[in-house]
Amino acid sequence: MDENEVVDLVRAAIMLSIELSAPVMLVGLVVGTAIALVQALTQVQEVTLVFVPKILAIFLAIFIGLPMMTVSLVEFMNLLADRIVAIK
């Protein structure tokens, strides 16, 4: 395995981690921004009010996206296993 293949594998792993985490992070961003806007409009400055809806939304996004995440991770693992077998 030469340097170019290692760089390609690392690039693929980084892109996979971005693809898997982006939907969950975007859900957290949207929910956090919406709650912050509601807090600013109603002048309710409760610190703990942000965390419960954001955690629930993130858990829901993970629950919904878990089948897609699993398929992507299995495909990447199969790619890695094929590359390992090809080396020997």
Protein backbone atom coordinates (compact mmCIF):
# COMPACT_ATOMS: atom_id res chain seq x y z
CA MET A 1 0.00 0.00 0.00
CA ASP A 2 1.57 3.26 -1.07
CA GLU A 3 1.10 6.80 0.21
CA ASN A 4 -1.62 7.69 -2.29
CA GLU A 5 -3.83 4.80 -1.19
CA VAL A 6 -3.39 5.73 2.47
CA VAL A 7 -4.30 9.36 1.73
CA ASP A 8 -7.36 8.19 -0.23
CA LEU A 9 -8.49 5.98 2.66
CA VAL A 10 -8.02 8.77 5.19
CA ARG A 11 -9.90 11.17 2.93
CA ALA A 12 -12.73 8.66 2.57
CA ALA A 13 -12.86 8.14 6.34
CA ILE A 14 -13.03 11.88 7.00
CA MET A 15 -15.74 12.36 4.38
CA LEU A 16 -17.71 9.47 5.87
CA SER A 17 -17.52 10.98 9.34
CA ILE A 18 -18.71 14.32 7.97
CA GLU A 19 -21.58 12.65 6.07
CA LEU A 20 -22.68 10.76 9.18
CA SER A 21 -22.44 13.65 11.62
CA ALA A 22 -23.75 16.50 9.44
CA PRO A 23 -27.49 15.69 9.66
CA VAL A 24 -27.35 15.33 13.44
CA MET A 25 -25.33 18.51 13.83
CA LEU A 26 -27.69 20.43 11.56
CA VAL A 27 -30.70 19.27 13.58
CA GLY A 28 -28.99 20.46 16.76
CA LEU A 29 -28.15 23.78 15.13
CA VAL A 30 -31.69 24.39 13.86
CA VAL A 31 -33.35 23.40 17.14
CA GLY A 32 -30.88 25.43 19.19
CA THR A 33 -31.39 28.49 17.01
CA ALA A 34 -35.17 28.16 17.13
CA ILE A 35 -35.18 27.85 20.91
CA ALA A 36 -32.78 30.78 21.26
CA LEU A 37 -35.10 32.85 19.07
CA VAL A 38 -38.12 31.89 21.18
CA GLN A 39 -36.19 32.74 24.34
CA ALA A 40 -35.20 36.12 22.94
CA LEU A 41 -38.76 36.90 21.86
CA THR A 42 -40.36 35.86 25.13
CA GLN A 43 -37.51 37.06 27.36
CA VAL A 44 -37.48 33.72 29.17
CA GLN A 45 -33.79 33.22 29.91
CA GLU A 46 -33.81 29.74 31.41
CA VAL A 47 -30.50 27.99 30.72
CA THR A 48 -31.85 24.45 30.96
CA LEU A 49 -34.69 25.18 28.51
CA VAL A 50 -32.31 24.80 25.56
CA PHE A 51 -30.92 21.37 26.42
CA VAL A 52 -33.98 19.13 26.70
CA PRO A 53 -35.53 19.87 23.27
CA LYS A 54 -32.10 19.85 21.62
CA ILE A 55 -31.20 16.47 23.13
CA LEU A 56 -34.57 15.01 22.16
CA ALA A 57 -34.24 16.32 18.59
CA ILE A 58 -30.71 14.93 18.28
CA PHE A 59 -31.78 11.53 19.61
CA LEU A 60 -34.66 11.52 17.13
CA ALA A 61 -32.32 12.44 14.26
CA ILE A 62 -29.93 9.65 15.26
CA PHE A 63 -32.82 7.18 15.54
CA ILE A 64 -34.13 8.12 12.10
CA GLY A 65 -30.71 8.23 10.46
CA LEU A 66 -29.28 5.13 12.10
CA PRO A 67 -30.16 2.70 9.24
CA MET A 68 -28.43 4.99 6.71
CA MET A 69 -25.44 5.40 9.01
CA THR A 70 -25.17 1.65 9.50
CA VAL A 71 -25.26 0.96 5.76
CA SER A 72 -22.57 3.59 5.12
CA LEU A 73 -20.32 2.20 7.84
CA VAL A 74 -20.75 -1.38 6.63
CA GLU A 75 -19.91 -0.35 3.05
CA PHE A 76 -16.79 1.46 4.25
CA MET A 77 -15.76 -1.53 6.36
CA ASN A 78 -16.21 -3.81 3.34
CA LEU A 79 -14.00 -1.44 1.32
CA LEU A 80 -11.33 -1.57 4.03
CA ALA A 81 -11.54 -5.35 4.27
CA ASP A 82 -11.18 -5.67 0.49
CA ARG A 83 -8.13 -3.42 0.56
CA ILE A 84 -6.58 -5.45 3.41
CA VAL A 85 -7.16 -8.72 1.54
CA ALA A 86 -5.69 -7.22 -1.65
CA ILE A 87 -2.44 -6.35 0.16
CA LYS A 88 -1.60 -9.95 1.07
